[in-house]
Amino acid sequence: MSYVIGIDLGTSAVKALLLDRSGALVAEASRSYPLFHEHAGWSEQRPDDWVEATIAALAELSQAPGVRPEAIEGISFSGQMHGLVLLDAEGNPVRNAILWNDTRTTPQCREIESVLGEKLLRITRNPALEGFTLPKILWVKQHEPESFAKSVSFVLPKDYVRYRLTGALHMDYSDAAGTLLLDVEAKTWSSDILAAFELPDGFCPPLAESHELVGTLLPEPAQSTGLPAATKVFAGGADNACGAIGAGILSEGLTMCSIGTSGVILSYEPDASADYKGKVHLFNHGKENAYYAMGVTLAAGYSLSWFRETFAKGEAFDSLLAGIGELPPGSGGLLFAPYLVGERTPHADSQIRGSFIGIDGSHTRAHFARAIMEGITFSLHESVDMFRTAGKTIDKIVSIGGGAQNPVWLQMQADIFGADVVALTSEQGPGLGAAMLAAYGCGWFASLDACAEAFVSHAAVYHPQPESSAQYAGLFRLYQQIYASTRDINHALGQYR
């Protein structure tokens, strides 16, 4: 038997999965690492903490019962997007990594818009948002000139870990698309953007396909992990791209709904011709010569976690959600806007905040819990609605994450999205997508699609109920009025926070 490993480098922990040729999970290992918030809005990590945690997780997998380390053929990666790791001439980080959820770079975003104008969307296909990498580069250049002067190149989080394992610097297209430095359609670093901000061509690492073999293990990591030095290492992809691969979103007509702390609607795009005017993201896929469009809800599962932590601390989610299935669509006339930490799609607004609208004395805790679930799903439906308005067919949605664990929520998604919703039989998230890239790279399958046929299986299908869908269609139009109706109030309240 032979095996591959998929490594998912998340914000709080790294998770490594060991899979066999059938796609069965043989073993898994996880290690956490600290997150640093030195100032309000800052979010940083030490890159070498990722490396140490990854090596420890790999060492655990190499010792899995019944598994010979030499039978582990390949490793690939999924990683948190956008995080900036600046490297000096010796390949060492010059400072902590600035992460995707760091919000210090609003002035740099406005500078990028001012300098590039219409070029920004034409080249990168994405607006300048605080989470992206180029604003972080400019922040360091302006606020820490000594650190920037030492910097000769940059990589993203998973790329640094892979570099430390192999000694080779690369970045795959799906992660490069989230830097605001890539010409997304041409699949090259944009010389126009680099020149506009006085960044040398060599500042960006060589580009690679996600399934591309980029090296083998250096002697020291091989010894530390217990894996053979000949173990193949593949480039890997951005976490959302790998999540899509792991959910089988590899052909036209397939869309993914992922509800974790944040929420994502991701739809396969065969080329870069779709023009969403920057309202949703358009990124290169982990599948070669493919793309995906993506909308983001910042506080999806977080909204429900906040509600439990605030009003039912320590209570199990099953108990918190008891009775929601007995309530009608609309939660008795109660609407919730999940803007607890601002919003991304379609309102890129860091100052907007959440609302309950329509509260009356008849509402119980169950009404509030259901309204939160509906509000999260309405927010995600804004992306689905924009895709359809642009002419895209959305008729089948694969649901993953916390939103796929509750049958009432799965039916709610089908009713609100107006599409069939299906959960996965066994969900392993972006780590599975990374393992699939390794399996394809090792030659186990003729294509990534063939790998998905073997590794990804669907569970029950939830069909939209006509009466509920009609009610939700009306409620959704009311929901869409909340942002404009509360924006000025929330912005004014910002001075009191």
Protein backbone atom coordinates (compact mmCIF):
# COMPACT_ATOMS: atom_id res chain seq x y z
CA MET A 1 0.00 0.00 0.00
CA SER A 2 1.21 3.52 -0.76
CA TYR A 3 0.10 6.81 0.76
CA VAL A 4 0.06 10.59 0.35
CA ILE A 5 -0.13 13.37 2.92
CA GLY A 6 -2.21 16.53 2.69
CA ILE A 7 -1.10 19.38 4.96
CA ASP A 8 -3.58 22.15 5.77
CA LEU A 9 -1.80 25.14 7.33
CA GLY A 10 -4.58 27.02 9.09
CA THR A 11 -4.66 30.17 11.20
CA SER A 12 -4.71 28.37 14.54
CA ALA A 13 -3.23 24.97 13.74
CA VAL A 14 -1.75 22.73 11.08
CA LYS A 15 -3.61 19.54 10.26
CA ALA A 16 -1.99 16.70 8.32
CA LEU A 17 -3.95 13.83 6.75
CA LEU A 18 -2.53 10.45 5.64
CA LEU A 19 -4.59 8.84 2.87
CA ASP A 20 -4.23 5.59 0.97
CA ARG A 21 -4.87 4.97 -2.74
CA SER A 22 -8.60 4.56 -2.21
CA GLY A 23 -8.88 7.96 -0.53
CA ALA A 24 -9.47 6.42 2.90
CA LEU A 25 -8.17 8.40 5.87
CA VAL A 26 -5.51 6.27 7.56
CA ALA A 27 -4.27 8.74 10.19
CA GLU A 28 -4.29 12.42 11.03
CA ALA A 29 -2.22 14.72 13.22
CA SER A 30 -2.60 18.31 14.33
CA ARG A 31 -0.45 20.90 16.08
CA SER A 32 -1.42 24.41 17.17
CA TYR A 33 0.63 27.61 17.30
CA PRO A 34 0.13 31.07 18.80
CA LEU A 35 -1.45 34.13 17.21
CA PHE A 36 -0.22 37.61 18.15
CA HIS A 37 -2.36 40.77 18.34
CA GLU A 38 0.15 43.45 19.36
CA HIS A 39 -2.25 46.27 18.44
CA ALA A 40 -5.96 46.49 17.61
CA GLY A 41 -6.51 45.13 14.11
CA TRP A 42 -3.11 43.44 13.95
CA SER A 43 -2.78 39.68 13.45
CA GLU A 44 0.64 38.04 13.18
CA GLN A 45 2.40 34.69 13.55
CA ARG A 46 5.97 33.43 13.65
CA PRO A 47 6.70 31.55 10.40
CA ASP A 48 9.03 29.12 12.12
CA ASP A 49 6.20 28.10 14.46
CA TRP A 50 4.41 26.76 11.37
CA VAL A 51 7.51 24.81 10.37
CA GLU A 52 8.01 23.23 13.79
CA ALA A 53 4.33 22.29 14.04
CA THR A 54 4.29 20.80 10.53
CA ILE A 55 7.40 18.72 11.15
CA ALA A 56 5.91 17.42 14.41
CA ALA A 57 2.65 16.47 12.63
CA LEU A 58 4.57 14.72 9.83
CA ALA A 59 6.67 12.84 12.37
CA GLU A 60 3.50 11.56 14.02
CA LEU A 61 2.06 10.38 10.69
CA SER A 62 5.30 8.63 9.69
CA GLN A 63 4.90 6.50 12.81
CA ALA A 64 1.24 5.59 12.18
CA PRO A 65 0.56 1.92 13.02
CA GLY A 66 0.99 -0.38 10.03
CA VAL A 67 2.43 2.35 7.80
CA ARG A 68 5.96 2.12 6.45
CA PRO A 69 7.44 5.63 6.02
CA GLU A 70 8.96 4.66 2.68
CA ALA A 71 5.43 3.91 1.40
CA ILE A 72 4.50 7.60 1.76
CA GLU A 73 5.06 8.81 -1.79
CA GLY A 74 4.13 12.47 -1.73
CA ILE A 75 3.17 15.55 0.26
CA SER A 76 1.19 18.61 -0.76
CA PHE A 77 -0.21 21.67 0.95
CA SER A 78 -3.22 23.83 1.56
CA GLY A 79 -2.60 27.14 3.26
CA GLN A 80 -4.18 30.23 4.73
CA MET A 81 -4.23 32.83 1.97
CA HIS A 82 -2.71 36.33 1.67
CA GLY A 83 -0.32 36.20 4.66
CA LEU A 84 2.95 38.06 4.08
CA VAL A 85 6.30 36.40 4.82
CA LEU A 86 9.21 38.66 3.86
CA LEU A 87 12.56 36.90 3.34
CA ASP A 88 16.11 38.22 3.45
CA ALA A 89 18.97 37.15 1.18
CA GLU A 90 19.57 34.03 3.31
CA GLY A 91 15.91 33.01 3.10
CA ASN A 92 15.09 33.94 6.70
CA PRO A 93 11.96 35.91 7.70
CA VAL A 94 12.75 39.55 8.45
CA ARG A 95 9.72 39.94 10.74
CA ASN A 96 6.62 38.07 11.85
CA ALA A 97 4.12 37.14 9.15
CA ILE A 98 1.17 39.52 8.72
CA LEU A 99 -1.95 37.38 8.32
CA TRP A 100 -5.06 37.47 6.13
CA ASN A 101 -7.24 38.78 8.99
CA ASP A 102 -4.99 41.75 9.77
CA THR A 103 -6.82 45.04 9.07
CA ARG A 104 -4.11 47.70 9.48
CA THR A 105 -3.73 48.38 5.73
CA THR A 106 -6.76 50.52 4.81
CA PRO A 107 -4.58 53.54 3.73
CA GLN A 108 -2.48 51.23 1.54
CA CYS A 109 -5.63 49.88 -0.13
CA ARG A 110 -6.72 53.40 -1.00
CA GLU A 111 -3.21 54.09 -2.35
CA ILE A 112 -3.37 51.01 -4.58
CA GLU A 113 -6.75 52.11 -5.96
CA SER A 114 -5.45 55.62 -6.59
CA VAL A 115 -2.25 54.49 -8.33
CA LEU A 116 -3.70 51.68 -10.45
CA GLY A 117 -7.22 52.92 -11.16
CA GLU A 118 -9.02 50.66 -13.65
CA LYS A 119 -5.87 48.56 -14.11
CA LEU A 120 -6.43 46.94 -10.72
CA LEU A 121 -9.56 45.00 -11.66
CA ARG A 122 -8.43 44.43 -15.22
CA ILE A 123 -5.19 42.74 -14.12
CA THR A 124 -5.90 41.19 -10.73
CA ARG A 125 -9.70 40.73 -11.12
CA ASN A 126 -10.06 41.67 -7.45
CA PRO A 127 -10.45 44.90 -5.46
CA ALA A 128 -7.85 46.15 -2.98
CA LEU A 129 -8.88 44.77 0.40
CA GLU A 130 -7.02 44.80 3.70
CA GLY A 131 -6.64 41.03 3.69
CA PHE A 132 -4.60 40.87 0.48
CA THR A 133 -0.81 40.73 0.33
CA LEU A 134 0.25 43.82 -1.64
CA PRO A 135 -1.23 46.25 0.94
CA LYS A 136 0.80 44.45 3.61
CA ILE A 137 3.98 44.81 1.55
CA LEU A 138 3.36 48.54 1.19
CA TRP A 139 2.65 48.88 4.92
CA VAL A 140 6.01 47.35 5.81
CA LYS A 141 7.74 49.46 3.16
CA GLN A 142 6.25 52.65 4.65
CA HIS A 143 6.27 51.87 8.38
CA GLU A 144 9.25 49.52 8.78
CA PRO A 145 11.75 50.67 6.14
CA GLU A 146 14.64 48.85 7.84
CA SER A 147 12.82 45.53 7.65
CA PHE A 148 11.80 46.17 4.07
CA ALA A 149 15.37 47.06 3.09
CA LYS A 150 16.45 43.57 4.17
CA SER A 151 13.72 41.91 2.14
CA VAL A 152 14.64 40.39 -1.21
CA SER A 153 11.51 38.27 -1.77
CA PHE A 154 8.21 37.24 -0.25
CA VAL A 155 6.13 34.09 0.03
CA LEU A 156 2.81 33.08 1.55
CA PRO A 157 2.51 30.88 4.67
CA LYS A 158 2.41 27.39 3.16
CA ASP A 159 5.15 28.36 0.69
CA TYR A 160 7.50 29.19 3.55
CA VAL A 161 6.88 25.82 5.19
CA ARG A 162 7.45 24.04 1.87
CA TYR A 163 10.63 26.07 1.33
CA ARG A 164 11.98 24.97 4.69
CA LEU A 165 11.25 21.35 3.81
CA THR A 166 12.71 21.42 0.28
CA GLY A 167 15.01 24.46 0.03
CA ALA A 168 13.12 25.67 -3.06
CA LEU A 169 10.99 28.82 -3.31
CA HIS A 170 7.73 28.63 -5.29
CA MET A 171 4.18 29.94 -5.20
CA ASP A 172 1.23 28.28 -6.92
CA TYR A 173 -1.23 30.24 -9.05
CA SER A 174 -4.22 29.87 -6.71
CA ASP A 175 -2.34 31.51 -3.83
CA ALA A 176 -0.60 34.04 -6.08
CA ALA A 177 -4.03 35.22 -7.24
CA GLY A 178 -4.68 36.53 -3.72
CA THR A 179 -1.63 38.81 -3.63
CA LEU A 180 -2.87 41.60 -5.98
CA LEU A 181 0.39 41.12 -7.88
CA LEU A 182 -0.67 38.40 -10.34
CA ASP A 183 -2.14 38.93 -13.78
CA VAL A 184 -4.86 36.36 -13.12
CA GLU A 185 -5.75 35.61 -16.74
CA ALA A 186 -2.18 35.65 -18.12
CA LYS A 187 -0.85 33.67 -15.12
CA THR A 188 2.24 35.85 -14.76
CA TRP A 189 3.42 38.37 -12.19
CA SER A 190 2.27 41.81 -13.36
CA SER A 191 5.24 43.93 -14.37
CA ASP A 192 2.90 46.96 -14.43
CA ILE A 193 1.94 46.55 -10.77
CA LEU A 194 5.48 45.76 -9.66
CA ALA A 195 6.77 48.87 -11.45
CA ALA A 196 3.97 51.05 -10.06
CA PHE A 197 5.10 50.31 -6.51
CA GLU A 198 8.84 50.08 -7.24
CA LEU A 199 9.13 46.37 -6.52
CA PRO A 200 11.81 44.44 -8.46
CA ASP A 201 10.81 41.51 -10.70
CA GLY A 202 12.81 39.10 -8.54
CA PHE A 203 10.75 40.05 -5.49
CA CYS A 204 8.12 37.48 -6.49
CA PRO A 205 8.91 33.74 -6.30
CA PRO A 206 8.72 31.39 -9.32
CA LEU A 207 5.17 30.29 -10.14
CA ALA A 208 4.03 26.66 -10.23
CA GLU A 209 0.91 24.61 -10.87
CA SER A 210 -0.68 23.24 -7.71
CA HIS A 211 0.03 19.61 -8.68
CA GLU A 212 3.58 20.39 -9.83
CA LEU A 213 6.53 18.55 -8.28
CA VAL A 214 8.72 21.26 -6.73
CA GLY A 215 11.27 19.21 -4.79
CA THR A 216 12.02 16.49 -2.28
CA LEU A 217 12.87 16.65 1.41
CA LEU A 218 16.13 18.14 2.60
CA PRO A 219 18.22 15.83 4.84
CA GLU A 220 17.37 17.59 8.11
CA PRO A 221 13.57 17.67 7.63
CA ALA A 222 13.69 14.08 6.39
CA GLN A 223 15.45 13.00 9.57
CA SER A 224 13.13 15.05 11.80
CA THR A 225 9.95 13.72 10.20
CA GLY A 226 11.10 10.15 9.70
CA LEU A 227 10.20 10.36 6.01
CA PRO A 228 12.55 9.36 3.18
CA ALA A 229 14.52 12.20 1.60
CA ALA A 230 13.08 11.06 -1.75
CA THR A 231 9.51 11.89 -0.66
CA LYS A 232 7.97 14.02 -3.42
CA VAL A 233 6.75 17.49 -2.48
CA PHE A 234 4.11 19.23 -4.60
CA ALA A 235 3.26 22.94 -4.69
CA GLY A 236 -0.27 22.76 -3.25
CA GLY A 237 -2.86 25.52 -3.23
CA ALA A 238 -4.75 28.19 -1.37
CA ASP A 239 -7.12 26.89 1.29
CA ASN A 240 -10.25 27.83 -0.63
CA ALA A 241 -8.94 26.24 -3.83
CA CYS A 242 -8.02 23.07 -1.94
CA GLY A 243 -11.37 23.11 -0.16
CA ALA A 244 -13.02 23.20 -3.60
CA ILE A 245 -10.88 20.29 -4.80
CA GLY A 246 -11.73 18.31 -1.68
CA ALA A 247 -15.43 18.96 -2.33
CA GLY A 248 -15.13 17.93 -5.99
CA ILE A 249 -15.79 21.43 -7.41
CA LEU A 250 -13.89 20.70 -10.61
CA SER A 251 -16.36 21.25 -13.43
CA GLU A 252 -18.89 23.76 -14.73
CA GLY A 253 -22.19 23.79 -12.83
CA LEU A 254 -20.75 22.91 -9.43
CA THR A 255 -20.75 25.35 -6.53
CA MET A 256 -19.59 25.00 -2.92
CA CYS A 257 -21.02 26.51 0.24
CA SER A 258 -18.58 26.43 3.14
CA ILE A 259 -19.76 27.61 6.55
CA GLY A 260 -16.97 27.81 9.06
CA THR A 261 -15.99 30.83 11.15
CA SER A 262 -16.39 32.74 7.92
CA GLY A 263 -18.57 31.59 5.03
CA VAL A 264 -17.73 31.07 1.37
CA ILE A 265 -19.73 30.57 -1.80
CA LEU A 266 -17.35 29.28 -4.45
CA SER A 267 -18.30 28.41 -8.02
CA TYR A 268 -16.19 26.78 -10.71
CA GLU A 269 -15.22 28.92 -13.70
CA PRO A 270 -13.71 27.26 -16.82
CA ASP A 271 -11.89 30.46 -17.80
CA ALA A 272 -11.35 34.04 -16.69
CA SER A 273 -13.95 35.58 -18.96
CA ALA A 274 -16.56 36.15 -16.25
CA ASP A 275 -16.71 39.79 -15.15
CA TYR A 276 -18.22 40.36 -11.73
CA LYS A 277 -16.95 43.98 -11.52
CA GLY A 278 -14.94 43.14 -8.41
CA LYS A 279 -18.09 42.37 -6.39
CA VAL A 280 -16.89 38.79 -5.89
CA HIS A 281 -13.37 37.40 -6.09
CA LEU A 282 -12.07 35.67 -9.20
CA PHE A 283 -9.06 33.47 -8.48
CA ASN A 284 -7.03 30.83 -10.27
CA HIS A 285 -8.11 27.33 -9.24
CA GLY A 286 -5.88 24.56 -7.94
CA LYS A 287 -6.94 22.70 -11.07
CA GLU A 288 -4.73 23.64 -14.00
CA ASN A 289 -6.10 26.34 -16.33
CA ALA A 290 -9.31 26.75 -14.35
CA TYR A 291 -10.71 29.46 -12.10
CA TYR A 292 -13.30 30.01 -9.41
CA ALA A 293 -15.51 32.91 -8.39
CA MET A 294 -15.96 33.40 -4.66
CA GLY A 295 -18.03 35.49 -2.30
CA VAL A 296 -17.25 35.75 1.41
CA THR A 297 -19.35 36.30 4.53
CA LEU A 298 -16.96 37.33 7.30
CA ALA A 299 -19.05 36.25 10.31
CA ALA A 300 -20.86 33.08 9.25
CA GLY A 301 -20.43 30.35 11.85
CA TYR A 302 -18.90 33.00 14.08
CA SER A 303 -22.32 34.64 14.38
CA LEU A 304 -23.79 31.46 15.82
CA SER A 305 -20.75 30.91 18.06
CA TRP A 306 -21.05 34.49 19.33
CA PHE A 307 -24.74 33.94 20.12
CA ARG A 308 -23.99 30.77 22.08
CA GLU A 309 -21.03 32.30 23.91
CA THR A 310 -23.06 35.37 24.87
CA PHE A 311 -26.44 33.87 25.73
CA ALA A 312 -25.89 30.12 26.26
CA LYS A 313 -22.27 29.75 27.36
CA GLY A 314 -21.20 26.12 27.65
CA GLU A 315 -24.37 24.78 26.07
CA ALA A 316 -24.09 22.24 23.25
CA PHE A 317 -25.11 23.42 19.78
CA ASP A 318 -27.74 20.66 19.57
CA SER A 319 -29.39 22.12 22.66
CA LEU A 320 -29.03 25.69 21.41
CA LEU A 321 -30.73 24.81 18.12
CA ALA A 322 -33.51 22.68 19.63
CA GLY A 323 -36.88 23.63 18.17
CA ILE A 324 -35.66 25.64 15.18
CA GLY A 325 -37.05 23.05 12.77
CA GLU A 326 -40.54 23.67 14.10
CA LEU A 327 -40.46 27.38 13.24
CA PRO A 328 -41.57 28.69 9.83
CA PRO A 329 -39.31 30.48 7.33
CA GLY A 330 -38.66 34.02 8.51
CA SER A 331 -38.44 33.13 12.20
CA GLY A 332 -41.72 34.84 12.99
CA GLY A 333 -40.79 38.11 11.29
CA LEU A 334 -37.24 38.33 12.70
CA LEU A 335 -34.29 39.15 10.42
CA PHE A 336 -30.58 39.04 11.28
CA ALA A 337 -27.72 40.66 9.37
CA PRO A 338 -24.45 38.84 10.22
CA TYR A 339 -22.18 41.89 10.07
CA LEU A 340 -20.55 41.35 13.48
CA VAL A 341 -17.02 42.03 12.17
CA GLY A 342 -17.90 43.98 9.03
CA GLU A 343 -18.73 42.42 5.69
CA ARG A 344 -16.91 41.35 2.52
CA THR A 345 -19.44 40.35 -0.18
CA PRO A 346 -21.09 42.27 -1.68
CA HIS A 347 -20.40 45.12 0.77
CA ALA A 348 -16.67 45.56 1.41
CA ASP A 349 -17.26 47.52 4.60
CA SER A 350 -15.19 47.08 7.76
CA GLN A 351 -17.44 49.45 9.76
CA ILE A 352 -20.87 47.90 9.20
CA ARG A 353 -22.21 45.92 12.17
CA GLY A 354 -24.90 43.32 12.75
CA SER A 355 -28.61 43.83 13.36
CA PHE A 356 -31.66 42.00 14.58
CA ILE A 357 -34.72 43.58 12.94
CA GLY A 358 -38.34 42.91 13.83
CA ILE A 359 -37.96 41.80 17.46
CA ASP A 360 -41.21 41.50 19.37
CA GLY A 361 -42.31 39.98 22.65
CA SER A 362 -43.33 36.68 21.09
CA HIS A 363 -39.83 35.76 19.98
CA THR A 364 -38.04 33.00 21.88
CA ARG A 365 -34.40 31.97 21.88
CA ALA A 366 -35.21 29.48 19.12
CA HIS A 367 -36.48 32.34 16.93
CA PHE A 368 -33.20 34.18 17.40
CA ALA A 369 -31.12 31.07 16.67
CA ARG A 370 -33.06 30.32 13.49
CA ALA A 371 -32.90 33.98 12.40
CA ILE A 372 -29.11 33.84 12.75
CA MET A 373 -28.93 30.74 10.56
CA GLU A 374 -31.22 32.37 8.00
CA GLY A 375 -29.23 35.61 8.07
CA ILE A 376 -25.95 33.79 7.46
CA THR A 377 -27.54 31.92 4.55
CA PHE A 378 -29.07 35.14 3.14
CA SER A 379 -25.63 36.74 3.21
CA LEU A 380 -24.17 33.79 1.30
CA HIS A 381 -27.12 33.91 -1.10
CA GLU A 382 -26.08 37.42 -2.11
CA SER A 383 -23.14 35.78 -3.89
CA VAL A 384 -25.37 33.11 -5.46
CA ASP A 385 -27.72 35.88 -6.62
CA MET A 386 -24.87 37.82 -8.22
CA PHE A 387 -23.62 34.71 -10.00
CA ARG A 388 -27.08 34.12 -11.46
CA THR A 389 -27.49 37.76 -12.41
CA ALA A 390 -24.24 37.44 -14.39
CA GLY A 391 -25.77 34.52 -16.30
CA LYS A 392 -24.26 31.64 -14.33
CA THR A 393 -26.32 28.51 -13.68
CA ILE A 394 -26.36 27.50 -10.01
CA ASP A 395 -28.43 24.34 -9.57
CA LYS A 396 -26.27 22.06 -7.39
CA ILE A 397 -24.37 23.17 -4.29
CA VAL A 398 -22.03 21.04 -2.19
CA SER A 399 -22.27 22.16 1.44
CA ILE A 400 -19.33 21.68 3.80
CA GLY A 401 -18.33 22.93 7.24
CA GLY A 402 -20.62 23.56 10.20
CA GLY A 403 -23.58 24.34 7.96
CA ALA A 404 -23.48 20.78 6.63
CA GLN A 405 -23.79 19.20 10.09
CA ASN A 406 -27.43 20.14 10.70
CA PRO A 407 -30.24 18.73 8.50
CA VAL A 408 -32.47 21.75 9.19
CA TRP A 409 -29.74 24.07 7.99
CA LEU A 410 -29.09 21.97 4.88
CA GLN A 411 -32.78 22.16 3.97
CA MET A 412 -32.74 25.89 4.71
CA GLN A 413 -29.81 26.31 2.31
CA ALA A 414 -31.68 24.44 -0.42
CA ASP A 415 -34.78 26.59 0.12
CA ILE A 416 -32.92 29.92 0.21
CA PHE A 417 -30.46 29.13 -2.61
CA GLY A 418 -33.21 27.59 -4.75
CA ALA A 419 -30.86 24.73 -5.64
CA ASP A 420 -30.19 21.13 -4.70
CA VAL A 421 -27.83 20.99 -1.71
CA VAL A 422 -25.71 17.94 -0.95
CA ALA A 423 -23.35 17.14 1.92
CA LEU A 424 -20.28 14.91 1.68
CA THR A 425 -20.14 11.37 3.05
CA SER A 426 -16.77 12.07 4.63
CA GLU A 427 -15.58 15.66 4.88
CA GLN A 428 -11.88 16.40 5.37
CA GLY A 429 -11.77 19.95 4.06
CA PRO A 430 -8.78 21.63 2.40
CA GLY A 431 -6.40 18.93 3.69
CA LEU A 432 -8.17 16.41 1.47
CA GLY A 433 -7.73 18.71 -1.52
CA ALA A 434 -4.01 18.96 -0.74
CA ALA A 435 -3.76 15.16 -0.53
CA MET A 436 -5.58 14.87 -3.86
CA LEU A 437 -3.04 17.19 -5.46
CA ALA A 438 -0.28 14.91 -4.17
CA ALA A 439 -2.10 11.79 -5.42
CA TYR A 440 -2.55 13.32 -8.87
CA GLY A 441 1.04 14.60 -8.87
CA CYS A 442 2.31 11.12 -7.98
CA GLY A 443 0.56 9.73 -11.04
CA TRP A 444 -2.10 7.74 -9.19
CA PHE A 445 -4.77 9.23 -11.45
CA ALA A 446 -4.85 10.54 -15.02
CA SER A 447 -6.54 13.76 -13.88
CA LEU A 448 -7.66 15.63 -10.80
CA ASP A 449 -11.25 14.91 -11.87
CA ALA A 450 -10.55 11.17 -11.84
CA CYS A 451 -9.05 11.53 -8.37
CA ALA A 452 -12.23 13.28 -7.18
CA GLU A 453 -14.36 10.42 -8.50
CA ALA A 454 -12.44 8.06 -6.22
CA PHE A 455 -11.89 10.31 -3.18
CA VAL A 456 -15.12 12.39 -2.96
CA SER A 457 -18.57 10.92 -2.35
CA HIS A 458 -21.92 12.63 -1.76
CA ALA A 459 -24.47 11.93 0.96
CA ALA A 460 -28.19 12.83 0.91
CA VAL A 461 -29.51 15.51 -1.43
CA TYR A 462 -31.81 18.28 -0.12
CA HIS A 463 -34.20 19.65 -2.73
CA PRO A 464 -35.76 23.13 -2.46
CA GLN A 465 -39.35 23.09 -1.20
CA PRO A 466 -41.43 25.38 -3.47
CA GLU A 467 -43.51 26.99 -0.73
CA SER A 468 -40.53 27.68 1.55
CA SER A 469 -38.41 28.91 -1.37
CA ALA A 470 -41.14 31.39 -2.34
CA GLN A 471 -41.31 32.73 1.22
CA TYR A 472 -37.53 33.02 1.42
CA ALA A 473 -37.41 34.87 -1.92
CA GLY A 474 -39.54 37.64 -0.41
CA LEU A 475 -37.57 37.67 2.83
CA PHE A 476 -34.30 37.87 0.91
CA ARG A 477 -35.39 41.09 -0.81
CA LEU A 478 -36.12 42.57 2.62
CA TYR A 479 -32.75 41.34 3.90
CA GLN A 480 -31.00 43.09 1.01
CA GLN A 481 -32.33 46.44 2.28
CA ILE A 482 -30.67 46.10 5.68
CA TYR A 483 -27.18 47.18 4.63
CA ALA A 484 -28.18 50.48 3.04
CA SER A 485 -30.69 51.17 5.82
CA THR A 486 -28.19 50.70 8.66
CA ARG A 487 -24.89 51.76 7.08
CA ASP A 488 -24.86 55.43 8.13
CA ILE A 489 -25.99 54.59 11.67
CA ASN A 490 -23.30 51.96 12.09
CA HIS A 491 -20.58 54.19 10.69
CA ALA A 492 -21.61 56.95 13.12
CA LEU A 493 -21.60 54.49 16.02
CA GLY A 494 -18.01 53.61 15.21
CA GLN A 495 -16.75 56.57 17.23
CA TYR A 496 -18.27 55.03 20.38
CA ARG A 497 -16.71 51.59 19.99
